């Protein structure tokens, strides 16, 4: 993974195509789950059934985050530490704090 400047963020990560496809597919499944919950609401589904589906979406997002975080640590963070960019550690700490809210 390499980083370059991007118009919407300060950094950009170029991922192997296989990794990108896996992450995108996970997000598309999550998107489908969310659309399903919307349909449940529109069809007046029982609250508990909606909550169970919402918990499933939450678990899927957490799994996505774990996968992406592991890849980030193994590639971007490790590379930056080897290059002496210690500010990456502070960035990682802030990210972990946000994920653990």
C-alpha atoms as a PDB file:
ATOM      1  CA  UNK A   1       0.000   0.000   0.000  1.00  0.00           C
ATOM      2  CA  UNK A   2       1.258   3.430  -0.882  1.00  0.00           C
ATOM      3  CA  UNK A   3      -0.010   6.833   0.011  1.00  0.00           C
ATOM      4  CA  UNK A   4      -0.437   9.859  -2.235  1.00  0.00           C
ATOM      5  CA  UNK A   5      -2.303  13.135  -1.997  1.00  0.00           C
ATOM      6  CA  UNK A   6      -6.036  13.050  -2.703  1.00  0.00           C
ATOM      7  CA  UNK A   7      -8.601  15.797  -3.208  1.00  0.00           C
ATOM      8  CA  UNK A   8     -10.958  14.627  -0.429  1.00  0.00           C
ATOM      9  CA  UNK A   9      -8.447  13.442   2.184  1.00  0.00           C
ATOM     10  CA  UNK A  10      -4.864  14.154   3.110  1.00  0.00           C
ATOM     11  CA  UNK A  11      -3.786  10.603   2.322  1.00  0.00           C
ATOM     12  CA  UNK A  12      -4.842   7.891  -0.105  1.00  0.00           C
ATOM     13  CA  UNK A  13      -4.179   4.148   0.112  1.00  0.00           C
ATOM     14  CA  UNK A  14      -3.730   2.085  -3.019  1.00  0.00           C
ATOM     15  CA  UNK A  15      -4.866  -1.463  -2.234  1.00  0.00           C
ATOM     16  CA  UNK A  16      -4.389  -4.701  -4.148  1.00  0.00           C
ATOM     17  CA  UNK A  17      -7.457  -5.293  -6.335  1.00  0.00           C
ATOM     18  CA  UNK A  18      -8.413  -8.502  -4.475  1.00  0.00           C
ATOM     19  CA  UNK A  19      -8.380  -6.712  -1.098  1.00  0.00           C
ATOM     20  CA  UNK A  20     -10.419  -3.823  -2.479  1.00  0.00           C
ATOM     21  CA  UNK A  21     -13.013  -6.198  -3.933  1.00  0.00           C
ATOM     22  CA  UNK A  22     -13.362  -8.048  -0.615  1.00  0.00           C
ATOM     23  CA  UNK A  23     -13.918  -4.820   1.307  1.00  0.00           C
ATOM     24  CA  UNK A  24     -16.367  -3.445  -1.267  1.00  0.00           C
ATOM     25  CA  UNK A  25     -18.326  -6.719  -1.252  1.00  0.00           C
ATOM     26  CA  UNK A  26     -18.587  -6.586   2.552  1.00  0.00           C
ATOM     27  CA  UNK A  27     -19.923  -3.042   2.362  1.00  0.00           C
ATOM     28  CA  UNK A  28     -22.417  -3.973  -0.348  1.00  0.00           C
ATOM     29  CA  UNK A  29     -23.756  -6.775   1.861  1.00  0.00           C
ATOM     30  CA  UNK A  30     -24.074  -4.300   4.723  1.00  0.00           C
ATOM     31  CA  UNK A  31     -25.839  -1.873   2.400  1.00  0.00           C
ATOM     32  CA  UNK A  32     -28.284  -4.636   1.484  1.00  0.00           C
ATOM     33  CA  UNK A  33     -28.918  -5.354   5.151  1.00  0.00           C
ATOM     34  CA  UNK A  34     -29.655  -1.674   5.791  1.00  0.00           C
ATOM     35  CA  UNK A  35     -32.048  -1.574   2.833  1.00  0.00           C
ATOM     36  CA  UNK A  36     -33.746  -4.621   4.338  1.00  0.00           C
ATOM     37  CA  UNK A  37     -34.210  -2.790   7.626  1.00  0.00           C
ATOM     38  CA  UNK A  38     -35.707   0.171   5.776  1.00  0.00           C
ATOM     39  CA  UNK A  39     -38.143  -2.227   4.114  1.00  0.00           C
ATOM     40  CA  UNK A  40     -39.021  -3.698   7.479  1.00  0.00           C
ATOM     41  CA  UNK A  41     -39.809  -0.235   8.836  1.00  0.00           C
ATOM     42  CA  UNK A  42     -41.867   0.640   5.787  1.00  0.00           C
ATOM     43  CA  UNK A  43     -43.841  -2.595   6.242  1.00  0.00           C
ATOM     44  CA  UNK A  44     -44.402  -2.020   9.968  1.00  0.00           C
ATOM     45  CA  UNK A  45     -42.312  -4.987  11.079  1.00  0.00           C
ATOM     46  CA  UNK A  46     -42.194  -5.883  14.765  1.00  0.00           C
ATOM     47  CA  UNK A  47     -39.683  -3.718  16.700  1.00  0.00           C
ATOM     48  CA  UNK A  48     -37.744  -6.681  18.060  1.00  0.00           C
ATOM     49  CA  UNK A  49     -37.253  -8.122  14.566  1.00  0.00           C
ATOM     50  CA  UNK A  50     -35.873  -4.785  13.375  1.00  0.00           C
ATOM     51  CA  UNK A  51     -33.558  -4.570  16.384  1.00  0.00           C
ATOM     52  CA  UNK A  52     -32.179  -8.049  15.652  1.00  0.00           C
ATOM     53  CA  UNK A  53     -31.418  -7.008  12.069  1.00  0.00           C
ATOM     54  CA  UNK A  54     -29.875  -3.747  13.286  1.00  0.00           C
ATOM     55  CA  UNK A  55     -27.587  -5.729  15.603  1.00  0.00           C
ATOM     56  CA  UNK A  56     -26.554  -7.876  12.638  1.00  0.00           C
ATOM     57  CA  UNK A  57     -25.626  -4.739  10.678  1.00  0.00           C
ATOM     58  CA  UNK A  58     -23.635  -3.490  13.657  1.00  0.00           C
ATOM     59  CA  UNK A  59     -21.733  -6.791  13.825  1.00  0.00           C
ATOM     60  CA  UNK A  60     -21.058  -6.667  10.077  1.00  0.00           C
ATOM     61  CA  UNK A  61     -19.695  -3.108  10.302  1.00  0.00           C
ATOM     62  CA  UNK A  62     -17.482  -4.139  13.234  1.00  0.00           C
ATOM     63  CA  UNK A  63     -16.132  -7.080  11.217  1.00  0.00           C
ATOM     64  CA  UNK A  64     -15.408  -4.734   8.308  1.00  0.00           C
ATOM     65  CA  UNK A  65     -13.597  -2.336  10.653  1.00  0.00           C
ATOM     66  CA  UNK A  66     -11.501  -5.157  12.142  1.00  0.00           C
ATOM     67  CA  UNK A  67     -10.425  -6.350   8.705  1.00  0.00           C
ATOM     68  CA  UNK A  68      -9.554  -2.859   7.490  1.00  0.00           C
ATOM     69  CA  UNK A  69      -7.778  -1.967  10.741  1.00  0.00           C
ATOM     70  CA  UNK A  70      -5.640  -5.116  10.602  1.00  0.00           C
ATOM     71  CA  UNK A  71      -4.626  -4.343   7.025  1.00  0.00           C
ATOM     72  CA  UNK A  72      -3.873  -0.734   7.967  1.00  0.00           C
ATOM     73  CA  UNK A  73      -1.618  -1.754  10.863  1.00  0.00           C
ATOM     74  CA  UNK A  74       0.212  -4.408   8.843  1.00  0.00           C
ATOM     75  CA  UNK A  75       0.879  -2.106   5.909  1.00  0.00           C
ATOM     76  CA  UNK A  76       0.531   1.650   6.387  1.00  0.00           C
ATOM     77  CA  UNK A  77       1.360   1.868  10.083  1.00  0.00           C
ATOM     78  CA  UNK A  78       4.268  -0.605   9.923  1.00  0.00           C
ATOM     79  CA  UNK A  79       5.736   1.190   6.883  1.00  0.00           C
ATOM     80  CA  UNK A  80       5.442   4.612   8.483  1.00  0.00           C
ATOM     81  CA  UNK A  81       7.057   3.424  11.724  1.00  0.00           C
ATOM     82  CA  UNK A  82       9.943   1.899   9.750  1.00  0.00           C
ATOM     83  CA  UNK A  83      10.315   5.264   7.995  1.00  0.00           C
ATOM     84  CA  UNK A  84      10.419   7.071  11.351  1.00  0.00           C
ATOM     85  CA  UNK A  85       6.988   8.696  11.000  1.00  0.00           C
ATOM     86  CA  UNK A  86       5.989   8.405  14.657  1.00  0.00           C
ATOM     87  CA  UNK A  87       2.964  10.682  14.148  1.00  0.00           C
ATOM     88  CA  UNK A  88       1.273   7.633  12.610  1.00  0.00           C
ATOM     89  CA  UNK A  89       1.124   6.097  16.091  1.00  0.00           C
ATOM     90  CA  UNK A  90      -0.819   9.113  17.366  1.00  0.00           C
ATOM     91  CA  UNK A  91      -3.147   8.854  14.357  1.00  0.00           C
ATOM     92  CA  UNK A  92      -3.722   5.153  15.098  1.00  0.00           C
ATOM     93  CA  UNK A  93      -4.499   5.887  18.757  1.00  0.00           C
ATOM     94  CA  UNK A  94      -7.108   8.495  17.749  1.00  0.00           C
ATOM     95  CA  UNK A  95      -8.640   6.050  15.269  1.00  0.00           C
ATOM     96  CA  UNK A  96      -8.832   3.288  17.888  1.00  0.00           C
ATOM     97  CA  UNK A  97     -10.464   5.684  20.351  1.00  0.00           C
ATOM     98  CA  UNK A  98     -13.130   6.519  17.743  1.00  0.00           C
ATOM     99  CA  UNK A  99     -13.743   2.832  16.994  1.00  0.00           C
ATOM    100  CA  UNK A 100     -14.145   2.027  20.682  1.00  0.00           C
ATOM    101  CA  UNK A 101     -16.827   4.619  21.459  1.00  0.00           C
END
